[in-house]
């Protein structure tokens, strides 16, 4: 993840564009990942986060 952030910042700097990072802390999300696996947890995140 850090490499993606660094690349986004580097790319934004080189193209004179802005870059933003959004950090969302979901309460009680770890038990979902533990119970159903990261694959299901990832699908849940995609479903609840707004798309572009």
PDB file of N, CA and C in Angstrom:
ATOM      1  N   UNK A   1       0.821  -1.181   0.000  1.00  0.00           N
ATOM      2  CA  UNK A   1       0.000   0.000   0.000  1.00  0.00           C
ATOM      3  C   UNK A   1       0.875   1.259   0.000  1.00  0.00           C
ATOM      4  N   UNK A   2       1.949   1.221   0.766  1.00  0.00           N
ATOM      5  CA  UNK A   2       2.841   2.379   0.825  1.00  0.00           C
ATOM      6  C   UNK A   2       3.404   2.711  -0.553  1.00  0.00           C
ATOM      7  N   UNK A   3       3.722   1.691  -1.336  1.00  0.00           N
ATOM      8  CA  UNK A   3       4.239   1.932  -2.693  1.00  0.00           C
ATOM      9  C   UNK A   3       3.194   2.623  -3.561  1.00  0.00           C
ATOM     10  N   UNK A   4       1.927   2.238  -3.420  1.00  0.00           N
ATOM     11  CA  UNK A   4       0.865   2.883  -4.189  1.00  0.00           C
ATOM     12  C   UNK A   4       0.713   4.351  -3.793  1.00  0.00           C
ATOM     13  N   UNK A   5       0.818   4.618  -2.503  1.00  0.00           N
ATOM     14  CA  UNK A   5       0.712   5.996  -2.026  1.00  0.00           C
ATOM     15  C   UNK A   5       1.885   6.822  -2.538  1.00  0.00           C
ATOM     16  N   UNK A   6       3.083   6.272  -2.436  1.00  0.00           N
ATOM     17  CA  UNK A   6       4.265   6.980  -2.925  1.00  0.00           C
ATOM     18  C   UNK A   6       4.166   7.257  -4.417  1.00  0.00           C
ATOM     19  N   UNK A   7       3.683   6.276  -5.186  1.00  0.00           N
ATOM     20  CA  UNK A   7       3.540   6.465  -6.623  1.00  0.00           C
ATOM     21  C   UNK A   7       2.514   7.548  -6.923  1.00  0.00           C
ATOM     22  N   UNK A   8       1.388   7.550  -6.203  1.00  0.00           N
ATOM     23  CA  UNK A   8       0.359   8.565  -6.422  1.00  0.00           C
ATOM     24  C   UNK A   8       0.901   9.963  -6.133  1.00  0.00           C
ATOM     25  N   UNK A   9       1.650  10.109  -5.044  1.00  0.00           N
ATOM     26  CA  UNK A   9       2.245  11.403  -4.712  1.00  0.00           C
ATOM     27  C   UNK A   9       3.275  11.824  -5.752  1.00  0.00           C
ATOM     28  N   UNK A  10       4.098  10.888  -6.176  1.00  0.00           N
ATOM     29  CA  UNK A  10       5.114  11.164  -7.197  1.00  0.00           C
ATOM     30  C   UNK A  10       4.453  11.589  -8.499  1.00  0.00           C
ATOM     31  N   UNK A  11       3.426  10.845  -8.913  1.00  0.00           N
ATOM     32  CA  UNK A  11       2.721  11.138 -10.153  1.00  0.00           C
ATOM     33  C   UNK A  11       2.014  12.495 -10.077  1.00  0.00           C
ATOM     34  N   UNK A  12       1.383  12.785  -8.963  1.00  0.00           N
ATOM     35  CA  UNK A  12       0.708  14.070  -8.797  1.00  0.00           C
ATOM     36  C   UNK A  12       1.700  15.222  -8.858  1.00  0.00           C
ATOM     37  N   UNK A  13       2.835  15.046  -8.242  1.00  0.00           N
ATOM     38  CA  UNK A  13       3.865  16.084  -8.243  1.00  0.00           C
ATOM     39  C   UNK A  13       4.395  16.324  -9.659  1.00  0.00           C
ATOM     40  N   UNK A  14       4.618  15.254 -10.390  1.00  0.00           N
ATOM     41  CA  UNK A  14       5.177  15.378 -11.746  1.00  0.00           C
ATOM     42  C   UNK A  14       4.174  15.956 -12.739  1.00  0.00           C
ATOM     43  N   UNK A  15       2.893  15.779 -12.500  1.00  0.00           N
ATOM     44  CA  UNK A  15       1.871  16.264 -13.425  1.00  0.00           C
ATOM     45  C   UNK A  15       1.192  17.533 -12.909  1.00  0.00           C
ATOM     46  N   UNK A  16       1.709  18.079 -11.820  1.00  0.00           N
ATOM     47  CA  UNK A  16       1.165  19.305 -11.225  1.00  0.00           C
ATOM     48  C   UNK A  16      -0.322  19.146 -10.876  1.00  0.00           C
ATOM     49  N   UNK A  17      -0.680  17.968 -10.372  1.00  0.00           N
ATOM     50  CA  UNK A  17      -2.052  17.703  -9.962  1.00  0.00           C
ATOM     51  C   UNK A  17      -2.107  17.471  -8.455  1.00  0.00           C
ATOM     52  N   UNK A  18      -3.308  17.444  -7.933  1.00  0.00           N
ATOM     53  CA  UNK A  18      -3.513  17.181  -6.513  1.00  0.00           C
ATOM     54  C   UNK A  18      -3.641  15.691  -6.260  1.00  0.00           C
ATOM     55  N   UNK A  19      -3.427  15.326  -5.014  1.00  0.00           N
ATOM     56  CA  UNK A  19      -3.559  13.936  -4.611  1.00  0.00           C
ATOM     57  C   UNK A  19      -4.138  13.926  -3.199  1.00  0.00           C
ATOM     58  N   UNK A  20      -5.035  12.976  -2.935  1.00  0.00           N
ATOM     59  CA  UNK A  20      -5.643  12.882  -1.611  1.00  0.00           C
ATOM     60  C   UNK A  20      -5.662  11.426  -1.160  1.00  0.00           C
ATOM     61  N   UNK A  21      -5.588  11.234   0.132  1.00  0.00           N
ATOM     62  CA  UNK A  21      -5.666   9.906   0.728  1.00  0.00           C
ATOM     63  C   UNK A  21      -6.822   9.919   1.725  1.00  0.00           C
ATOM     64  N   UNK A  22      -7.709   8.945   1.589  1.00  0.00           N
ATOM     65  CA  UNK A  22      -8.848   8.830   2.493  1.00  0.00           C
ATOM     66  C   UNK A  22      -8.658   7.591   3.359  1.00  0.00           C
ATOM     67  N   UNK A  23      -8.671   7.772   4.664  1.00  0.00           N
ATOM     68  CA  UNK A  23      -8.532   6.665   5.599  1.00  0.00           C
ATOM     69  C   UNK A  23      -9.863   6.486   6.319  1.00  0.00           C
ATOM     70  N   UNK A  24     -10.434   5.317   6.192  1.00  0.00           N
ATOM     71  CA  UNK A  24     -11.707   5.025   6.846  1.00  0.00           C
ATOM     72  C   UNK A  24     -11.484   3.918   7.861  1.00  0.00           C
ATOM     73  N   UNK A  25     -11.853   4.172   9.097  1.00  0.00           N
ATOM     74  CA  UNK A  25     -11.722   3.188  10.162  1.00  0.00           C
ATOM     75  C   UNK A  25     -13.109   2.652  10.486  1.00  0.00           C
ATOM     76  N   UNK A  26     -13.352   1.406  10.123  1.00  0.00           N
ATOM     77  CA  UNK A  26     -14.660   0.806  10.370  1.00  0.00           C
ATOM     78  C   UNK A  26     -14.616   0.008  11.672  1.00  0.00           C
ATOM     79  N   UNK A  27     -15.468   0.400  12.614  1.00  0.00           N
ATOM     80  CA  UNK A  27     -15.548  -0.322  13.877  1.00  0.00           C
ATOM     81  C   UNK A  27     -16.025  -1.749  13.634  1.00  0.00           C
ATOM     82  N   UNK A  28     -15.440  -2.671  14.352  1.00  0.00           N
ATOM     83  CA  UNK A  28     -15.849  -4.083  14.327  1.00  0.00           C
ATOM     84  C   UNK A  28     -15.688  -4.756  12.955  1.00  0.00           C
ATOM     85  N   UNK A  29     -14.761  -4.250  12.123  1.00  0.00           N
ATOM     86  CA  UNK A  29     -14.557  -4.864  10.810  1.00  0.00           C
ATOM     87  C   UNK A  29     -13.641  -6.085  10.900  1.00  0.00           C
ATOM     88  N   UNK A  30     -12.709  -6.094  11.830  1.00  0.00           N
ATOM     89  CA  UNK A  30     -11.783  -7.220  11.965  1.00  0.00           C
ATOM     90  C   UNK A  30     -12.506  -8.555  12.174  1.00  0.00           C
ATOM     91  N   UNK A  31     -13.535  -8.609  13.019  1.00  0.00           N
ATOM     92  CA  UNK A  31     -14.240  -9.887  13.171  1.00  0.00           C
ATOM     93  C   UNK A  31     -14.863 -10.405  11.866  1.00  0.00           C
ATOM     94  N   UNK A  32     -15.280  -9.503  10.992  1.00  0.00           N
ATOM     95  CA  UNK A  32     -15.820  -9.933   9.693  1.00  0.00           C
ATOM     96  C   UNK A  32     -14.724 -10.607   8.880  1.00  0.00           C
ATOM     97  N   UNK A  33     -13.562  -9.973   8.818  1.00  0.00           N
ATOM     98  CA  UNK A  33     -12.439 -10.578   8.096  1.00  0.00           C
ATOM     99  C   UNK A  33     -12.035 -11.909   8.723  1.00  0.00           C
ATOM    100  N   UNK A  34     -12.003 -11.962  10.035  1.00  0.00           N
ATOM    101  CA  UNK A  34     -11.614 -13.197  10.722  1.00  0.00           C
ATOM    102  C   UNK A  34     -12.623 -14.319  10.481  1.00  0.00           C
ATOM    103  N   UNK A  35     -13.906 -13.978  10.482  1.00  0.00           N
ATOM    104  CA  UNK A  35     -14.951 -14.996  10.349  1.00  0.00           C
ATOM    105  C   UNK A  35     -15.144 -15.454   8.906  1.00  0.00           C
ATOM    106  N   UNK A  36     -15.089 -14.513   7.963  1.00  0.00           N
ATOM    107  CA  UNK A  36     -15.442 -14.842   6.577  1.00  0.00           C
ATOM    108  C   UNK A  36     -14.265 -14.793   5.608  1.00  0.00           C
ATOM    109  N   UNK A  37     -13.127 -14.307   6.068  1.00  0.00           N
ATOM    110  CA  UNK A  37     -11.945 -14.231   5.212  1.00  0.00           C
ATOM    111  C   UNK A  37     -11.803 -12.872   4.538  1.00  0.00           C
ATOM    112  N   UNK A  38     -10.580 -12.570   4.138  1.00  0.00           N
ATOM    113  CA  UNK A  38     -10.277 -11.266   3.555  1.00  0.00           C
ATOM    114  C   UNK A  38     -10.976 -11.061   2.213  1.00  0.00           C
ATOM    115  N   UNK A  39     -11.198 -12.135   1.487  1.00  0.00           N
ATOM    116  CA  UNK A  39     -11.863 -12.017   0.185  1.00  0.00           C
ATOM    117  C   UNK A  39     -13.280 -11.446   0.355  1.00  0.00           C
ATOM    118  N   UNK A  40     -14.006 -11.970   1.315  1.00  0.00           N
ATOM    119  CA  UNK A  40     -15.359 -11.468   1.591  1.00  0.00           C
ATOM    120  C   UNK A  40     -15.286 -10.068   2.184  1.00  0.00           C
ATOM    121  N   UNK A  41     -14.323  -9.829   3.059  1.00  0.00           N
ATOM    122  CA  UNK A  41     -14.143  -8.496   3.639  1.00  0.00           C
ATOM    123  C   UNK A  41     -13.871  -7.451   2.572  1.00  0.00           C
ATOM    124  N   UNK A  42     -13.038  -7.795   1.593  1.00  0.00           N
ATOM    125  CA  UNK A  42     -12.751  -6.882   0.487  1.00  0.00           C
ATOM    126  C   UNK A  42     -14.005  -6.592  -0.330  1.00  0.00           C
ATOM    127  N   UNK A  43     -14.802  -7.630  -0.587  1.00  0.00           N
ATOM    128  CA  UNK A  43     -16.043  -7.430  -1.340  1.00  0.00           C
ATOM    129  C   UNK A  43     -17.002  -6.515  -0.582  1.00  0.00           C
ATOM    130  N   UNK A  44     -17.050  -6.674   0.735  1.00  0.00           N
ATOM    131  CA  UNK A  44     -17.904  -5.826   1.555  1.00  0.00           C
ATOM    132  C   UNK A  44     -17.459  -4.371   1.476  1.00  0.00           C
ATOM    133  N   UNK A  45     -16.160  -4.138   1.555  1.00  0.00           N
ATOM    134  CA  UNK A  45     -15.646  -2.767   1.459  1.00  0.00           C
ATOM    135  C   UNK A  45     -15.995  -2.134   0.125  1.00  0.00           C
ATOM    136  N   UNK A  46     -15.842  -2.891  -0.948  1.00  0.00           N
ATOM    137  CA  UNK A  46     -16.177  -2.376  -2.267  1.00  0.00           C
ATOM    138  C   UNK A  46     -17.666  -2.029  -2.339  1.00  0.00           C
ATOM    139  N   UNK A  47     -18.487  -2.855  -1.700  1.00  0.00           N
ATOM    140  CA  UNK A  47     -19.936  -2.634  -1.749  1.00  0.00           C
ATOM    141  C   UNK A  47     -20.371  -1.407  -0.952  1.00  0.00           C
ATOM    142  N   UNK A  48     -19.690  -1.108   0.162  1.00  0.00           N
ATOM    143  CA  UNK A  48     -20.149  -0.002   1.014  1.00  0.00           C
ATOM    144  C   UNK A  48     -19.480   1.320   0.705  1.00  0.00           C
ATOM    145  N   UNK A  49     -18.338   1.303   0.021  1.00  0.00           N
ATOM    146  CA  UNK A  49     -17.655   2.558  -0.298  1.00  0.00           C
ATOM    147  C   UNK A  49     -18.218   3.132  -1.588  1.00  0.00           C
ATOM    148  N   UNK A  50     -18.337   4.459  -1.639  1.00  0.00           N
ATOM    149  CA  UNK A  50     -18.870   5.072  -2.863  1.00  0.00           C
ATOM    150  C   UNK A  50     -17.917   4.884  -4.039  1.00  0.00           C
ATOM    151  N   UNK A  51     -18.472   4.727  -5.215  1.00  0.00           N
ATOM    152  CA  UNK A  51     -17.642   4.608  -6.415  1.00  0.00           C
ATOM    153  C   UNK A  51     -17.379   5.991  -6.982  1.00  0.00           C
ATOM    154  N   UNK A  52     -16.486   6.051  -7.941  1.00  0.00           N
ATOM    155  CA  UNK A  52     -16.095   7.343  -8.541  1.00  0.00           C
ATOM    156  C   UNK A  52     -17.206   7.963  -9.308  1.00  0.00           C
TER     157      UNK A  52
END
